[in-house]
Amino acid sequence: MKSILWFTVGVAAGFAVAHQVNQTKQGRDFFSAVDVKARAFGHAIAEGYHARDAELRAEQGETPAAL
């Protein structure tokens, strides 16, 4: 039970610090760069998933699923 409490305190403190950092120009630039990289990573993962799905469906003779 103590670990859940400390985890919750840590998450809340992290959000509070991130909020304070985001109020500066450098903080906004930092979070913007992190957002761009995270979106690019997510897009790459999705592309890889869809490419592999298409390969597997082609091997089984199925038509590709609509996106």
N, C-alpha and C. Protein backbone atom coordinates (compact mmCIF):
# COMPACT_ATOMS: atom_id res chain seq x y z
N MET A 1 0.82 -1.20 0.00
CA MET A 1 0.00 0.00 0.00
C MET A 1 0.86 1.26 0.00
N LYS A 2 2.01 1.19 0.72
CA LYS A 2 2.90 2.35 0.76
C LYS A 2 3.47 2.67 -0.62
N SER A 3 3.78 1.62 -1.38
CA SER A 3 4.37 1.86 -2.70
C SER A 3 3.37 2.54 -3.64
N ILE A 4 2.10 2.20 -3.52
CA ILE A 4 1.09 2.86 -4.34
C ILE A 4 1.00 4.34 -3.98
N LEU A 5 1.08 4.63 -2.71
CA LEU A 5 1.05 6.02 -2.26
C LEU A 5 2.25 6.78 -2.83
N TRP A 6 3.45 6.21 -2.71
CA TRP A 6 4.65 6.89 -3.22
C TRP A 6 4.61 7.03 -4.73
N PHE A 7 4.07 6.03 -5.42
CA PHE A 7 3.93 6.12 -6.86
C PHE A 7 3.01 7.28 -7.24
N THR A 8 1.89 7.39 -6.55
CA THR A 8 0.93 8.46 -6.79
C THR A 8 1.55 9.83 -6.51
N VAL A 9 2.30 9.93 -5.42
CA VAL A 9 2.97 11.18 -5.08
C VAL A 9 3.99 11.53 -6.17
N GLY A 10 4.71 10.55 -6.64
CA GLY A 10 5.70 10.78 -7.69
C GLY A 10 5.09 11.24 -9.00
N VAL A 11 3.98 10.61 -9.37
CA VAL A 11 3.29 11.01 -10.60
C VAL A 11 2.76 12.44 -10.47
N ALA A 12 2.15 12.75 -9.34
CA ALA A 12 1.63 14.10 -9.12
C ALA A 12 2.76 15.13 -9.14
N ALA A 13 3.88 14.82 -8.51
CA ALA A 13 5.02 15.74 -8.51
C ALA A 13 5.55 15.93 -9.93
N GLY A 14 5.60 14.85 -10.69
CA GLY A 14 6.05 14.93 -12.08
C GLY A 14 5.17 15.83 -12.92
N PHE A 15 3.86 15.69 -12.74
CA PHE A 15 2.94 16.57 -13.47
C PHE A 15 3.10 18.02 -13.04
N ALA A 16 3.29 18.26 -11.76
CA ALA A 16 3.46 19.63 -11.28
C ALA A 16 4.73 20.26 -11.85
N VAL A 17 5.81 19.50 -11.86
CA VAL A 17 7.08 20.02 -12.41
C VAL A 17 6.93 20.26 -13.91
N ALA A 18 6.32 19.31 -14.62
CA ALA A 18 6.13 19.47 -16.06
C ALA A 18 5.28 20.70 -16.37
N HIS A 19 4.28 20.95 -15.56
CA HIS A 19 3.44 22.13 -15.75
C HIS A 19 4.26 23.41 -15.58
N GLN A 20 5.09 23.45 -14.57
CA GLN A 20 5.94 24.63 -14.34
C GLN A 20 6.94 24.82 -15.48
N VAL A 21 7.55 23.73 -15.93
CA VAL A 21 8.53 23.81 -17.01
C VAL A 21 7.85 24.26 -18.30
N ASN A 22 6.63 23.79 -18.54
CA ASN A 22 5.92 24.13 -19.77
C ASN A 22 5.53 25.59 -19.84
N GLN A 23 5.62 26.32 -18.75
CA GLN A 23 5.26 27.73 -18.77
C GLN A 23 6.41 28.61 -19.26
N THR A 24 7.58 28.04 -19.50
CA THR A 24 8.70 28.80 -20.05
C THR A 24 8.83 28.50 -21.54
N LYS A 25 9.45 29.40 -22.27
CA LYS A 25 9.64 29.19 -23.71
C LYS A 25 10.50 27.96 -23.96
N GLN A 26 11.57 27.81 -23.22
CA GLN A 26 12.44 26.65 -23.39
C GLN A 26 11.68 25.36 -23.06
N GLY A 27 10.83 25.39 -22.06
CA GLY A 27 10.03 24.22 -21.70
C GLY A 27 9.06 23.85 -22.80
N ARG A 28 8.38 24.86 -23.37
CA ARG A 28 7.46 24.59 -24.47
C ARG A 28 8.20 24.02 -25.66
N ASP A 29 9.39 24.57 -25.96
CA ASP A 29 10.20 24.04 -27.07
C ASP A 29 10.60 22.59 -26.80
N PHE A 30 10.99 22.29 -25.57
CA PHE A 30 11.38 20.94 -25.20
C PHE A 30 10.21 19.97 -25.37
N PHE A 31 9.05 20.32 -24.82
CA PHE A 31 7.90 19.43 -24.92
C PHE A 31 7.40 19.32 -26.35
N SER A 32 7.55 20.37 -27.13
CA SER A 32 7.19 20.31 -28.54
C SER A 32 8.09 19.32 -29.28
N ALA A 33 9.38 19.36 -29.00
CA ALA A 33 10.32 18.43 -29.64
C ALA A 33 10.02 16.99 -29.21
N VAL A 34 9.71 16.80 -27.94
CA VAL A 34 9.37 15.45 -27.46
C VAL A 34 8.10 14.96 -28.16
N ASP A 35 7.13 15.84 -28.32
CA ASP A 35 5.88 15.48 -28.98
C ASP A 35 6.12 15.06 -30.43
N VAL A 36 6.94 15.82 -31.15
CA VAL A 36 7.24 15.50 -32.55
C VAL A 36 7.91 14.12 -32.64
N LYS A 37 8.87 13.87 -31.77
CA LYS A 37 9.57 12.59 -31.79
C LYS A 37 8.65 11.44 -31.41
N ALA A 38 7.78 11.64 -30.44
CA ALA A 38 6.86 10.59 -30.03
C ALA A 38 5.86 10.27 -31.14
N ARG A 39 5.37 11.30 -31.82
CA ARG A 39 4.45 11.07 -32.93
C ARG A 39 5.14 10.35 -34.09
N ALA A 40 6.39 10.71 -34.38
CA ALA A 40 7.14 10.03 -35.44
C ALA A 40 7.36 8.56 -35.07
N PHE A 41 7.68 8.30 -33.81
CA PHE A 41 7.88 6.93 -33.36
C PHE A 41 6.58 6.13 -33.49
N GLY A 42 5.49 6.71 -33.05
CA GLY A 42 4.19 6.04 -33.15
C GLY A 42 3.81 5.76 -34.60
N HIS A 43 4.10 6.72 -35.47
CA HIS A 43 3.80 6.55 -36.90
C HIS A 43 4.65 5.42 -37.47
N ALA A 44 5.92 5.34 -37.11
CA ALA A 44 6.80 4.27 -37.59
C ALA A 44 6.31 2.91 -37.11
N ILE A 45 5.88 2.84 -35.87
CA ILE A 45 5.35 1.59 -35.33
C ILE A 45 4.10 1.17 -36.10
N ALA A 46 3.21 2.11 -36.34
CA ALA A 46 1.97 1.80 -37.07
C ALA A 46 2.27 1.35 -38.49
N GLU A 47 3.20 2.02 -39.16
CA GLU A 47 3.58 1.63 -40.52
C GLU A 47 4.14 0.21 -40.55
N GLY A 48 5.02 -0.09 -39.59
CA GLY A 48 5.60 -1.43 -39.51
C GLY A 48 4.54 -2.48 -39.25
N TYR A 49 3.62 -2.17 -38.38
CA TYR A 49 2.53 -3.11 -38.07
C TYR A 49 1.70 -3.38 -39.32
N HIS A 50 1.32 -2.33 -40.03
CA HIS A 50 0.47 -2.50 -41.20
C HIS A 50 1.22 -3.22 -42.32
N ALA A 51 2.50 -2.95 -42.47
CA ALA A 51 3.29 -3.65 -43.49
C ALA A 51 3.37 -5.13 -43.17
N ARG A 52 3.64 -5.46 -41.92
CA ARG A 52 3.74 -6.88 -41.53
C ARG A 52 2.38 -7.56 -41.63
N ASP A 53 1.32 -6.87 -41.27
CA ASP A 53 -0.02 -7.42 -41.39
C ASP A 53 -0.32 -7.74 -42.85
N ALA A 54 0.04 -6.83 -43.75
CA ALA A 54 -0.19 -7.06 -45.19
C ALA A 54 0.63 -8.25 -45.68
N GLU A 55 1.87 -8.39 -45.21
CA GLU A 55 2.69 -9.54 -45.60
C GLU A 55 2.04 -10.85 -45.15
N LEU A 56 1.60 -10.89 -43.90
CA LEU A 56 0.99 -12.11 -43.38
C LEU A 56 -0.32 -12.44 -44.10
N ARG A 57 -1.10 -11.43 -44.39
CA ARG A 57 -2.36 -11.66 -45.11
C ARG A 57 -2.09 -12.13 -46.54
N ALA A 58 -1.05 -11.59 -47.17
CA ALA A 58 -0.70 -12.01 -48.53
C ALA A 58 -0.26 -13.48 -48.54
N GLU A 59 0.46 -13.90 -47.51
CA GLU A 59 0.88 -15.30 -47.42
C GLU A 59 -0.32 -16.23 -47.27
N GLN A 60 -1.35 -15.75 -46.60
CA GLN A 60 -2.56 -16.58 -46.39
C GLN A 60 -3.57 -16.42 -47.52
N GLY A 61 -3.29 -15.53 -48.45
CA GLY A 61 -4.18 -15.32 -49.58
C GLY A 61 -5.38 -14.45 -49.25
N GLU A 62 -5.32 -13.71 -48.16
CA GLU A 62 -6.42 -12.82 -47.79
C GLU A 62 -6.21 -11.46 -48.41
N THR A 63 -7.30 -10.71 -48.52
CA THR A 63 -7.19 -9.34 -49.00
C THR A 63 -6.79 -8.44 -47.84
N PRO A 64 -6.03 -7.39 -48.10
CA PRO A 64 -5.63 -6.48 -47.01
C PRO A 64 -6.84 -5.81 -46.36
N ALA A 65 -6.74 -5.60 -45.06
CA ALA A 65 -7.82 -4.93 -44.31
C ALA A 65 -7.83 -3.45 -44.67
N ALA A 66 -9.00 -2.87 -44.71
CA ALA A 66 -9.13 -1.43 -44.99
C ALA A 66 -8.64 -0.66 -43.77
N LEU A 67 -7.94 0.44 -44.02
CA LEU A 67 -7.43 1.28 -42.94
C LEU A 67 -8.41 2.34 -42.57
